[in-house]
């Protein structure tokens, strides 16, 4: 019996569903239901399921909209209740501050009747003034609503007459603004191209400036090195001149020594003394010549090294 009851309930639900579908789709017995001798075919079942799914979606959307509206109303009511609660707490605090005196040792309140009456009267007057302000604001809002409704009706009447003309004017204005936008877009594209070209030229000149700066630094280094070499060369020339002078003097002294003949004793003593002095001078000059040769060798070696370095790092302008 329970099984029959469940099957009957399921059949009733299916009959209600099929009836809703038939009423909504306006099926006829001759066209759509003529083959319902035993059961529905797959196409009809699919149609029924799709129809029910759409109904469920619509119901869910309606329920969501109702829930959203209900939630917004509840939030607004809750906010208003909080505001009213804050007002009540403020009024209570004002009453306790201005009228009532709390007796801590007796656990109660001591209220002055005159202060309470004056406080209540002031509060009533305050509420009356607030009510009057709200009534005036309500009246002004009603007048504004009437004016807006009148303006809206006038605009609707005017818009019905000028709708076609406004549409044509809007089309003309739209074409004009589209042409203006295309023109500005072309100008913007041209300016972008020009900006790109200018940026490329600027980058090229920056690179050239960097190359020239590096060449200038290299040239400054080469010039300082050449100046040092020139100073050393001048020193070498001076040493060579001194060496030539010393050699000529040495040859002269040696020639005089070779041509020497034995003189008198006094002349001999004088010549011996002169010879010893000359020998001392020769030793001094030979020592100078050796020192000059060493300096010449070191300077020659430095000169060769500098020439090799200058040959490896060739000048970019040659």
C-alpha atoms as a PDB file:
ATOM      1  CA  UNK A   1       0.000   0.000   0.000  1.00  0.00           C
ATOM      2  CA  UNK A   2       2.844   2.405   0.783  1.00  0.00           C
ATOM      3  CA  UNK A   3       4.344   1.698  -2.603  1.00  0.00           C
ATOM      4  CA  UNK A   4       1.029   2.431  -4.348  1.00  0.00           C
ATOM      5  CA  UNK A   5       0.661   5.662  -2.378  1.00  0.00           C
ATOM      6  CA  UNK A   6       4.175   6.812  -3.370  1.00  0.00           C
ATOM      7  CA  UNK A   7       3.604   5.936  -7.015  1.00  0.00           C
ATOM      8  CA  UNK A   8       0.228   7.744  -6.988  1.00  0.00           C
ATOM      9  CA  UNK A   9       1.866  10.841  -5.440  1.00  0.00           C
ATOM     10  CA  UNK A  10       4.579  10.784  -8.099  1.00  0.00           C
ATOM     11  CA  UNK A  11       1.957  10.424 -10.843  1.00  0.00           C
ATOM     12  CA  UNK A  12      -0.038  13.324  -9.439  1.00  0.00           C
ATOM     13  CA  UNK A  13       3.100  15.496  -9.401  1.00  0.00           C
ATOM     14  CA  UNK A  14       3.890  14.501 -12.998  1.00  0.00           C
ATOM     15  CA  UNK A  15       0.292  15.252 -14.049  1.00  0.00           C
ATOM     16  CA  UNK A  16       0.506  18.721 -12.457  1.00  0.00           C
ATOM     17  CA  UNK A  17       3.829  19.316 -14.196  1.00  0.00           C
ATOM     18  CA  UNK A  18       2.517  18.189 -17.593  1.00  0.00           C
ATOM     19  CA  UNK A  19      -0.628  20.270 -17.140  1.00  0.00           C
ATOM     20  CA  UNK A  20       1.478  23.391 -16.440  1.00  0.00           C
ATOM     21  CA  UNK A  21       3.581  22.688 -19.506  1.00  0.00           C
ATOM     22  CA  UNK A  22       0.505  22.134 -21.689  1.00  0.00           C
ATOM     23  CA  UNK A  23      -1.162  25.296 -20.420  1.00  0.00           C
ATOM     24  CA  UNK A  24       1.993  27.369 -21.000  1.00  0.00           C
ATOM     25  CA  UNK A  25       2.842  25.925 -24.428  1.00  0.00           C
ATOM     26  CA  UNK A  26      -0.778  25.637 -25.690  1.00  0.00           C
ATOM     27  CA  UNK A  27      -0.251  22.126 -26.997  1.00  0.00           C
ATOM     28  CA  UNK A  28      -3.144  20.497 -28.788  1.00  0.00           C
ATOM     29  CA  UNK A  29      -4.147  16.905 -28.586  1.00  0.00           C
ATOM     30  CA  UNK A  30      -3.972  16.500 -32.332  1.00  0.00           C
ATOM     31  CA  UNK A  31      -0.467  17.945 -32.906  1.00  0.00           C
ATOM     32  CA  UNK A  32       1.692  17.375 -29.821  1.00  0.00           C
ATOM     33  CA  UNK A  33      -0.182  14.871 -27.671  1.00  0.00           C
ATOM     34  CA  UNK A  34      -1.531  12.583 -30.306  1.00  0.00           C
ATOM     35  CA  UNK A  35       1.203  10.040 -29.611  1.00  0.00           C
ATOM     36  CA  UNK A  36       0.668  10.045 -25.824  1.00  0.00           C
ATOM     37  CA  UNK A  37      -0.990   6.657 -25.851  1.00  0.00           C
ATOM     38  CA  UNK A  38       1.407   5.086 -23.387  1.00  0.00           C
ATOM     39  CA  UNK A  39       4.226   7.518 -22.443  1.00  0.00           C
ATOM     40  CA  UNK A  40       6.023  10.621 -23.661  1.00  0.00           C
ATOM     41  CA  UNK A  41       8.774  10.402 -26.227  1.00  0.00           C
ATOM     42  CA  UNK A  42      12.301  11.772 -25.630  1.00  0.00           C
ATOM     43  CA  UNK A  43      11.657  15.097 -27.357  1.00  0.00           C
ATOM     44  CA  UNK A  44       8.602  15.768 -25.212  1.00  0.00           C
ATOM     45  CA  UNK A  45      10.425  14.737 -22.048  1.00  0.00           C
ATOM     46  CA  UNK A  46      13.297  17.081 -22.951  1.00  0.00           C
ATOM     47  CA  UNK A  47      10.836  19.907 -23.573  1.00  0.00           C
ATOM     48  CA  UNK A  48       9.123  19.298 -20.233  1.00  0.00           C
ATOM     49  CA  UNK A  49      12.441  19.201 -18.361  1.00  0.00           C
ATOM     50  CA  UNK A  50      13.651  22.377 -20.064  1.00  0.00           C
ATOM     51  CA  UNK A  51      10.377  24.157 -19.300  1.00  0.00           C
ATOM     52  CA  UNK A  52      10.540  23.123 -15.653  1.00  0.00           C
ATOM     53  CA  UNK A  53      14.184  24.177 -15.436  1.00  0.00           C
ATOM     54  CA  UNK A  54      13.333  27.618 -16.803  1.00  0.00           C
ATOM     55  CA  UNK A  55      10.479  27.938 -14.306  1.00  0.00           C
ATOM     56  CA  UNK A  56      12.796  26.974 -11.462  1.00  0.00           C
ATOM     57  CA  UNK A  57      15.375  29.536 -12.627  1.00  0.00           C
ATOM     58  CA  UNK A  58      12.716  32.256 -12.802  1.00  0.00           C
ATOM     59  CA  UNK A  59      11.463  31.335  -9.339  1.00  0.00           C
ATOM     60  CA  UNK A  60      15.042  31.424  -7.996  1.00  0.00           C
ATOM     61  CA  UNK A  61      15.661  34.834  -9.589  1.00  0.00           C
ATOM     62  CA  UNK A  62      12.381  36.142  -8.153  1.00  0.00           C
ATOM     63  CA  UNK A  63      13.263  34.695  -4.760  1.00  0.00           C
ATOM     64  CA  UNK A  64      16.748  36.218  -4.918  1.00  0.00           C
ATOM     65  CA  UNK A  65      15.333  39.630  -5.808  1.00  0.00           C
ATOM     66  CA  UNK A  66      12.770  39.358  -3.010  1.00  0.00           C
ATOM     67  CA  UNK A  67      15.442  38.229  -0.545  1.00  0.00           C
ATOM     68  CA  UNK A  68      17.732  41.049  -1.585  1.00  0.00           C
ATOM     69  CA  UNK A  69      14.972  43.592  -1.198  1.00  0.00           C
ATOM     70  CA  UNK A  70      13.935  42.086   2.120  1.00  0.00           C
ATOM     71  CA  UNK A  71      17.578  42.117   3.315  1.00  0.00           C
ATOM     72  CA  UNK A  72      17.970  45.771   2.308  1.00  0.00           C
ATOM     73  CA  UNK A  73      14.762  46.662   4.139  1.00  0.00           C
ATOM     74  CA  UNK A  74      15.919  44.760   7.218  1.00  0.00           C
ATOM     75  CA  UNK A  75      19.300  46.527   7.120  1.00  0.00           C
ATOM     76  CA  UNK A  76      17.558  49.868   6.833  1.00  0.00           C
ATOM     77  CA  UNK A  77      15.226  48.995   9.714  1.00  0.00           C
ATOM     78  CA  UNK A  78      18.174  47.822  11.799  1.00  0.00           C
ATOM     79  CA  UNK A  79      20.064  51.020  11.026  1.00  0.00           C
ATOM     80  CA  UNK A  80      17.040  53.107  11.951  1.00  0.00           C
ATOM     81  CA  UNK A  81      16.625  51.109  15.173  1.00  0.00           C
ATOM     82  CA  UNK A  82      20.278  51.713  16.054  1.00  0.00           C
ATOM     83  CA  UNK A  83      19.838  55.434  15.409  1.00  0.00           C
ATOM     84  CA  UNK A  84      16.713  55.505  17.574  1.00  0.00           C
ATOM     85  CA  UNK A  85      18.539  53.551  20.295  1.00  0.00           C
ATOM     86  CA  UNK A  86      21.381  56.054  20.208  1.00  0.00           C
ATOM     87  CA  UNK A  87      18.859  58.900  20.491  1.00  0.00           C
ATOM     88  CA  UNK A  88      17.158  57.192  23.447  1.00  0.00           C
ATOM     89  CA  UNK A  89      20.508  56.642  25.179  1.00  0.00           C
ATOM     90  CA  UNK A  90      21.455  60.255  24.571  1.00  0.00           C
ATOM     91  CA  UNK A  91      18.095  61.454  25.940  1.00  0.00           C
ATOM     92  CA  UNK A  92      18.534  59.232  28.987  1.00  0.00           C
ATOM     93  CA  UNK A  93      22.029  60.544  29.619  1.00  0.00           C
ATOM     94  CA  UNK A  94      20.834  64.127  29.206  1.00  0.00           C
ATOM     95  CA  UNK A  95      17.956  63.488  31.601  1.00  0.00           C
ATOM     96  CA  UNK A  96      20.261  61.927  34.195  1.00  0.00           C
ATOM     97  CA  UNK A  97      22.750  64.786  33.813  1.00  0.00           C
ATOM     98  CA  UNK A  98      20.279  67.673  33.873  1.00  0.00           C
ATOM     99  CA  UNK A  99      17.419  66.408  36.082  1.00  0.00           C
ATOM    100  CA  UNK A 100      18.203  63.278  38.063  1.00  0.00           C
ATOM    101  CA  UNK A 101      20.895  62.976  40.717  1.00  0.00           C
ATOM    102  CA  UNK A 102      22.173  59.445  41.304  1.00  0.00           C
ATOM    103  CA  UNK A 103      22.490  58.436  44.940  1.00  0.00           C
ATOM    104  CA  UNK A 104      25.190  55.796  45.069  1.00  0.00           C
ATOM    105  CA  UNK A 105      24.727  54.941  48.710  1.00  0.00           C
ATOM    106  CA  UNK A 106      20.930  54.477  48.396  1.00  0.00           C
ATOM    107  CA  UNK A 107      20.775  52.769  44.979  1.00  0.00           C
ATOM    108  CA  UNK A 108      18.194  55.134  43.556  1.00  0.00           C
ATOM    109  CA  UNK A 109      17.539  58.481  41.932  1.00  0.00           C
ATOM    110  CA  UNK A 110      16.682  61.819  43.437  1.00  0.00           C
ATOM    111  CA  UNK A 111      14.564  63.848  41.012  1.00  0.00           C
ATOM    112  CA  UNK A 112      13.659  67.509  41.295  1.00  0.00           C
ATOM    113  CA  UNK A 113      10.047  67.918  40.124  1.00  0.00           C
ATOM    114  CA  UNK A 114      10.572  71.453  38.824  1.00  0.00           C
ATOM    115  CA  UNK A 115      13.642  70.436  36.825  1.00  0.00           C
ATOM    116  CA  UNK A 116      11.804  67.389  35.460  1.00  0.00           C
ATOM    117  CA  UNK A 117       8.804  69.492  34.407  1.00  0.00           C
ATOM    118  CA  UNK A 118      11.076  72.092  32.764  1.00  0.00           C
ATOM    119  CA  UNK A 119      13.104  69.382  31.027  1.00  0.00           C
ATOM    120  CA  UNK A 120       9.970  67.651  29.687  1.00  0.00           C
ATOM    121  CA  UNK A 121       8.560  70.982  28.496  1.00  0.00           C
ATOM    122  CA  UNK A 122      11.820  71.808  26.710  1.00  0.00           C
ATOM    123  CA  UNK A 123      11.866  68.413  25.079  1.00  0.00           C
ATOM    124  CA  UNK A 124       8.252  68.834  23.924  1.00  0.00           C
ATOM    125  CA  UNK A 125       9.034  72.246  22.454  1.00  0.00           C
ATOM    126  CA  UNK A 126      12.108  70.807  20.748  1.00  0.00           C
ATOM    127  CA  UNK A 127      10.069  67.982  19.238  1.00  0.00           C
ATOM    128  CA  UNK A 128       7.410  70.460  18.080  1.00  0.00           C
ATOM    129  CA  UNK A 129      10.046  72.578  16.358  1.00  0.00           C
ATOM    130  CA  UNK A 130      11.479  69.454  14.735  1.00  0.00           C
ATOM    131  CA  UNK A 131       7.994  68.410  13.588  1.00  0.00           C
ATOM    132  CA  UNK A 132       7.397  71.888  12.108  1.00  0.00           C
ATOM    133  CA  UNK A 133      10.724  71.750  10.279  1.00  0.00           C
ATOM    134  CA  UNK A 134       9.928  68.303   8.953  1.00  0.00           C
ATOM    135  CA  UNK A 135       6.468  69.440   7.821  1.00  0.00           C
ATOM    136  CA  UNK A 136       7.991  72.411   6.012  1.00  0.00           C
ATOM    137  CA  UNK A 137      10.596  70.157   4.421  1.00  0.00           C
ATOM    138  CA  UNK A 138       7.884  67.672   3.422  1.00  0.00           C
ATOM    139  CA  UNK A 139       5.819  70.470   1.851  1.00  0.00           C
ATOM    140  CA  UNK A 140       8.837  71.758  -0.075  1.00  0.00           C
ATOM    141  CA  UNK A 141       9.622  68.237  -1.258  1.00  0.00           C
ATOM    142  CA  UNK A 142       6.024  67.780  -2.386  1.00  0.00           C
ATOM    143  CA  UNK A 143       6.216  71.043  -4.325  1.00  0.00           C
ATOM    144  CA  UNK A 144       9.477  69.949  -5.912  1.00  0.00           C
ATOM    145  CA  UNK A 145       7.940  66.587  -6.835  1.00  0.00           C
ATOM    146  CA  UNK A 146       4.981  68.321  -8.478  1.00  0.00           C
ATOM    147  CA  UNK A 147       7.315  70.641 -10.388  1.00  0.00           C
ATOM    148  CA  UNK A 148       9.431  67.708 -11.507  1.00  0.00           C
ATOM    149  CA  UNK A 149       6.358  65.750 -12.583  1.00  0.00           C
ATOM    150  CA  UNK A 150       5.123  68.774 -14.536  1.00  0.00           C
ATOM    151  CA  UNK A 151       8.518  69.220 -16.174  1.00  0.00           C
ATOM    152  CA  UNK A 152       8.649  65.507 -16.973  1.00  0.00           C
ATOM    153  CA  UNK A 153       5.210  65.634 -18.646  1.00  0.00           C
ATOM    154  CA  UNK A 154       6.260  68.729 -20.610  1.00  0.00           C
ATOM    155  CA  UNK A 155       9.473  67.043 -21.696  1.00  0.00           C
ATOM    156  CA  UNK A 156       7.571  63.938 -22.741  1.00  0.00           C
ATOM    157  CA  UNK A 157       5.157  66.043 -24.794  1.00  0.00           C
ATOM    158  CA  UNK A 158       7.973  67.983 -26.388  1.00  0.00           C
ATOM    159  CA  UNK A 159      10.063  64.848 -26.952  1.00  0.00           C
ATOM    160  CA  UNK A 160       7.241  63.194 -28.842  1.00  0.00           C
ATOM    161  CA  UNK A 161       7.247  66.105 -31.319  1.00  0.00           C
ATOM    162  CA  UNK A 162      10.998  66.540 -31.552  1.00  0.00           C
ATOM    163  CA  UNK A 163      12.112  62.932 -31.311  1.00  0.00           C
ATOM    164  CA  UNK A 164      12.623  62.483 -35.067  1.00  0.00           C
ATOM    165  CA  UNK A 165      14.346  65.851 -35.442  1.00  0.00           C
ATOM    166  CA  UNK A 166      16.576  65.191 -32.405  1.00  0.00           C
ATOM    167  CA  UNK A 167      17.472  61.781 -33.800  1.00  0.00           C
ATOM    168  CA  UNK A 168      18.573  63.307 -37.119  1.00  0.00           C
ATOM    169  CA  UNK A 169      20.544  66.019 -35.327  1.00  0.00           C
ATOM    170  CA  UNK A 170      22.185  63.387 -33.165  1.00  0.00           C
ATOM    171  CA  UNK A 171      23.105  61.383 -36.261  1.00  0.00           C
ATOM    172  CA  UNK A 172      24.644  64.477 -37.886  1.00  0.00           C
ATOM    173  CA  UNK A 173      26.496  65.329 -34.682  1.00  0.00           C
ATOM    174  CA  UNK A 174      27.616  61.730 -34.343  1.00  0.00           C
ATOM    175  CA  UNK A 175      29.057  61.721 -37.868  1.00  0.00           C
ATOM    176  CA  UNK A 176      30.809  65.030 -37.211  1.00  0.00           C
ATOM    177  CA  UNK A 177      32.326  63.817 -33.976  1.00  0.00           C
ATOM    178  CA  UNK A 178      33.364  60.512 -35.559  1.00  0.00           C
ATOM    179  CA  UNK A 179      35.156  62.397 -38.339  1.00  0.00           C
ATOM    180  CA  UNK A 180      36.777  64.657 -35.748  1.00  0.00           C
ATOM    181  CA  UNK A 181      37.859  61.616 -33.721  1.00  0.00           C
ATOM    182  CA  UNK A 182      39.360  59.987 -36.839  1.00  0.00           C
ATOM    183  CA  UNK A 183      41.230  63.193 -37.658  1.00  0.00           C
ATOM    184  CA  UNK A 184      42.576  63.449 -34.110  1.00  0.00           C
ATOM    185  CA  UNK A 185      43.547  59.781 -34.155  1.00  0.00           C
ATOM    186  CA  UNK A 186      45.511  60.315 -37.375  1.00  0.00           C
ATOM    187  CA  UNK A 187      47.229  63.352 -35.859  1.00  0.00           C
ATOM    188  CA  UNK A 188      48.009  61.335 -32.741  1.00  0.00           C
ATOM    189  CA  UNK A 189      49.446  58.501 -34.836  1.00  0.00           C
ATOM    190  CA  UNK A 190      51.596  60.990 -36.799  1.00  0.00           C
ATOM    191  CA  UNK A 191      52.838  62.554 -33.558  1.00  0.00           C
ATOM    192  CA  UNK A 192      53.663  59.115 -32.166  1.00  0.00           C
ATOM    193  CA  UNK A 193      55.687  58.308 -35.302  1.00  0.00           C
ATOM    194  CA  UNK A 194      57.483  61.644 -35.050  1.00  0.00           C
ATOM    195  CA  UNK A 195      58.170  61.043 -31.366  1.00  0.00           C
ATOM    196  CA  UNK A 196      59.612  57.611 -32.194  1.00  0.00           C
ATOM    197  CA  UNK A 197      61.865  59.070 -34.891  1.00  0.00           C
ATOM    198  CA  UNK A 198      62.991  61.858 -32.558  1.00  0.00           C
ATOM    199  CA  UNK A 199      63.774  59.291 -29.866  1.00  0.00           C
ATOM    200  CA  UNK A 200      65.860  57.243 -32.330  1.00  0.00           C
ATOM    201  CA  UNK A 201      67.776  60.352 -33.451  1.00  0.00           C
ATOM    202  CA  UNK A 202      68.316  61.338 -29.827  1.00  0.00           C
ATOM    203  CA  UNK A 203      69.658  57.880 -29.010  1.00  0.00           C
ATOM    204  CA  UNK A 204      72.015  58.074 -32.026  1.00  0.00           C
ATOM    205  CA  UNK A 205      73.368  61.442 -30.907  1.00  0.00           C
ATOM    206  CA  UNK A 206      73.749  60.163 -27.356  1.00  0.00           C
ATOM    207  CA  UNK A 207      75.801  57.236 -28.641  1.00  0.00           C
ATOM    208  CA  UNK A 208      77.951  59.579 -30.748  1.00  0.00           C
ATOM    209  CA  UNK A 209      78.437  61.828 -27.728  1.00  0.00           C
ATOM    210  CA  UNK A 210      79.579  58.859 -25.662  1.00  0.00           C
ATOM    211  CA  UNK A 211      82.034  57.802 -28.404  1.00  0.00           C
ATOM    212  CA  UNK A 212      83.431  61.344 -28.718  1.00  0.00           C
ATOM    213  CA  UNK A 213      83.740  61.596 -24.939  1.00  0.00           C
ATOM    214  CA  UNK A 214      85.662  58.311 -24.759  1.00  0.00           C
ATOM    215  CA  UNK A 215      87.921  59.452 -27.637  1.00  0.00           C
ATOM    216  CA  UNK A 216      88.524  62.746 -25.845  1.00  0.00           C
ATOM    217  CA  UNK A 217      89.546  60.908 -22.686  1.00  0.00           C
ATOM    218  CA  UNK A 218      91.865  58.661 -24.692  1.00  0.00           C
ATOM    219  CA  UNK A 219      93.409  61.663 -26.472  1.00  0.00           C
ATOM    220  CA  UNK A 220      93.935  63.447 -23.161  1.00  0.00           C
ATOM    221  CA  UNK A 221      95.743  60.372 -21.842  1.00  0.00           C
ATOM    222  CA  UNK A 222      97.887  60.150 -24.994  1.00  0.00           C
ATOM    223  CA  UNK A 223      98.754  63.866 -24.816  1.00  0.00           C
ATOM    224  CA  UNK A 224      99.861  63.596 -21.179  1.00  0.00           C
ATOM    225  CA  UNK A 225     101.966  60.520 -22.044  1.00  0.00           C
ATOM    226  CA  UNK A 226     103.564  62.318 -25.016  1.00  0.00           C
ATOM    227  CA  UNK A 227     104.355  65.316 -22.840  1.00  0.00           C
ATOM    228  CA  UNK A 228     106.115  63.061 -20.332  1.00  0.00           C
ATOM    229  CA  UNK A 229     108.021  61.450 -23.209  1.00  0.00           C
ATOM    230  CA  UNK A 230     109.021  64.888 -24.517  1.00  0.00           C
ATOM    231  CA  UNK A 231     110.371  65.894 -21.121  1.00  0.00           C
ATOM    232  CA  UNK A 232     112.390  62.684 -20.921  1.00  0.00           C
ATOM    233  CA  UNK A 233     113.679  63.264 -24.471  1.00  0.00           C
ATOM    234  CA  UNK A 234     114.858  66.753 -23.540  1.00  0.00           C
ATOM    235  CA  UNK A 235     116.695  65.280 -20.595  1.00  0.00           C
ATOM    236  CA  UNK A 236     118.267  62.666 -22.868  1.00  0.00           C
ATOM    237  CA  UNK A 237     119.425  65.378 -25.337  1.00  0.00           C
ATOM    238  CA  UNK A 238     121.041  67.324 -22.532  1.00  0.00           C
ATOM    239  CA  UNK A 239     122.800  64.198 -21.267  1.00  0.00           C
ATOM    240  CA  UNK A 240     124.045  63.404 -24.774  1.00  0.00           C
ATOM    241  CA  UNK A 241     125.413  66.965 -25.178  1.00  0.00           C
ATOM    242  CA  UNK A 242     127.187  66.677 -21.829  1.00  0.00           C
ATOM    243  CA  UNK A 243     128.570  63.314 -22.890  1.00  0.00           C
ATOM    244  CA  UNK A 244     129.930  64.777 -26.156  1.00  0.00           C
ATOM    245  CA  UNK A 245     131.579  67.634 -24.290  1.00  0.00           C
ATOM    246  CA  UNK A 246     133.108  65.228 -21.776  1.00  0.00           C
ATOM    247  CA  UNK A 247     134.457  62.979 -24.549  1.00  0.00           C
ATOM    248  CA  UNK A 248     135.992  65.955 -26.397  1.00  0.00           C
ATOM    249  CA  UNK A 249     137.655  67.155 -23.199  1.00  0.00           C
ATOM    250  CA  UNK A 250     138.881  63.631 -22.479  1.00  0.00           C
ATOM    251  CA  UNK A 251     140.408  63.306 -25.952  1.00  0.00           C
ATOM    252  CA  UNK A 252     142.072  66.688 -25.598  1.00  0.00           C
ATOM    253  CA  UNK A 253     143.543  65.705 -22.253  1.00  0.00           C
ATOM    254  CA  UNK A 254     144.736  62.359 -23.549  1.00  0.00           C
ATOM    255  CA  UNK A 255     146.342  64.061 -26.585  1.00  0.00           C
ATOM    256  CA  UNK A 256     148.127  66.509 -24.323  1.00  0.00           C
ATOM    257  CA  UNK A 257     149.250  63.626 -22.126  1.00  0.00           C
ATOM    258  CA  UNK A 258     150.648  61.815 -25.165  1.00  0.00           C
ATOM    259  CA  UNK A 259     152.540  64.878 -26.345  1.00  0.00           C
ATOM    260  CA  UNK A 260     154.080  65.405 -22.916  1.00  0.00           C
ATOM    261  CA  UNK A 261     157.920  65.629 -22.574  1.00  0.00           C
ATOM    262  CA  UNK A 262     159.952  65.618 -19.356  1.00  0.00           C
ATOM    263  CA  UNK A 263     160.223  69.146 -18.102  1.00  0.00           C
ATOM    264  CA  UNK A 264     162.242  70.611 -15.247  1.00  0.00           C
ATOM    265  CA  UNK A 265     161.663  69.561 -11.657  1.00  0.00           C
ATOM    266  CA  UNK A 266     159.584  72.562 -10.898  1.00  0.00           C
ATOM    267  CA  UNK A 267     157.734  72.112 -14.165  1.00  0.00           C
ATOM    268  CA  UNK A 268     157.486  68.421 -13.395  1.00  0.00           C
ATOM    269  CA  UNK A 269     156.029  69.067  -9.978  1.00  0.00           C
ATOM    270  CA  UNK A 270     153.621  71.578 -11.443  1.00  0.00           C
ATOM    271  CA  UNK A 271     152.716  69.216 -14.266  1.00  0.00           C
ATOM    272  CA  UNK A 272     152.305  66.347 -11.798  1.00  0.00           C
ATOM    273  CA  UNK A 273     150.008  68.420  -9.738  1.00  0.00           C
ATOM    274  CA  UNK A 274     148.108  69.476 -12.838  1.00  0.00           C
ATOM    275  CA  UNK A 275     147.962  65.881 -14.012  1.00  0.00           C
ATOM    276  CA  UNK A 276     146.618  64.664 -10.700  1.00  0.00           C
ATOM    277  CA  UNK A 277     143.966  67.349 -10.836  1.00  0.00           C
ATOM    278  CA  UNK A 278     143.204  66.463 -14.432  1.00  0.00           C
ATOM    279  CA  UNK A 279     142.993  62.774 -13.572  1.00  0.00           C
ATOM    280  CA  UNK A 280     140.607  63.593 -10.787  1.00  0.00           C
ATOM    281  CA  UNK A 281     138.567  65.664 -13.222  1.00  0.00           C
ATOM    282  CA  UNK A 282     138.709  62.796 -15.737  1.00  0.00           C
ATOM    283  CA  UNK A 283     137.464  60.323 -13.151  1.00  0.00           C
ATOM    284  CA  UNK A 284     134.685  62.708 -12.249  1.00  0.00           C
ATOM    285  CA  UNK A 285     133.740  63.160 -15.879  1.00  0.00           C
ATOM    286  CA  UNK A 286     133.952  59.428 -16.572  1.00  0.00           C
ATOM    287  CA  UNK A 287     131.670  58.829 -13.653  1.00  0.00           C
ATOM    288  CA  UNK A 288     129.301  61.430 -15.092  1.00  0.00           C
ATOM    289  CA  UNK A 289     129.538  59.775 -18.504  1.00  0.00           C
ATOM    290  CA  UNK A 290     128.681  56.376 -16.990  1.00  0.00           C
ATOM    291  CA  UNK A 291     125.732  57.902 -15.174  1.00  0.00           C
ATOM    292  CA  UNK A 292     124.591  59.622 -18.395  1.00  0.00           C
ATOM    293  CA  UNK A 293     124.914  56.334 -20.334  1.00  0.00           C
ATOM    294  CA  UNK A 294     122.799  54.531 -17.743  1.00  0.00           C
ATOM    295  CA  UNK A 295     120.184  57.304 -17.911  1.00  0.00           C
ATOM    296  CA  UNK A 296     120.345  57.169 -21.720  1.00  0.00           C
ATOM    297  CA  UNK A 297     119.817  53.406 -21.725  1.00  0.00           C
ATOM    298  CA  UNK A 298     116.832  53.627 -19.345  1.00  0.00           C
ATOM    299  CA  UNK A 299     115.314  56.493 -21.326  1.00  0.00           C
ATOM    300  CA  UNK A 300     115.891  54.671 -24.616  1.00  0.00           C
ATOM    301  CA  UNK A 301     114.176  51.596 -23.225  1.00  0.00           C
ATOM    302  CA  UNK A 302     111.259  53.707 -21.951  1.00  0.00           C
ATOM    303  CA  UNK A 303     111.054  55.460 -25.322  1.00  0.00           C
ATOM    304  CA  UNK A 304     110.849  52.103 -27.144  1.00  0.00           C
ATOM    305  CA  UNK A 305     108.134  50.893 -24.787  1.00  0.00           C
ATOM    306  CA  UNK A 306     106.131  54.069 -25.306  1.00  0.00           C
ATOM    307  CA  UNK A 307     106.534  53.845 -29.081  1.00  0.00           C
ATOM    308  CA  UNK A 308     105.333  50.219 -29.014  1.00  0.00           C
ATOM    309  CA  UNK A 309     102.354  51.190 -26.843  1.00  0.00           C
ATOM    310  CA  UNK A 310     101.542  54.101 -29.141  1.00  0.00           C
ATOM    311  CA  UNK A 311     101.750  51.780 -32.168  1.00  0.00           C
ATOM    312  CA  UNK A 312      99.341  49.276 -30.597  1.00  0.00           C
ATOM    313  CA  UNK A 313      96.756  51.925 -29.565  1.00  0.00           C
ATOM    314  CA  UNK A 314      96.624  53.771 -32.857  1.00  0.00           C
ATOM    315  CA  UNK A 315      95.091  57.201 -33.116  1.00  0.00           C
ATOM    316  CA  UNK A 316      91.443  57.072 -34.483  1.00  0.00           C
ATOM    317  CA  UNK A 317      92.016  60.201 -36.585  1.00  0.00           C
ATOM    318  CA  UNK A 318      94.940  58.629 -38.576  1.00  0.00           C
END
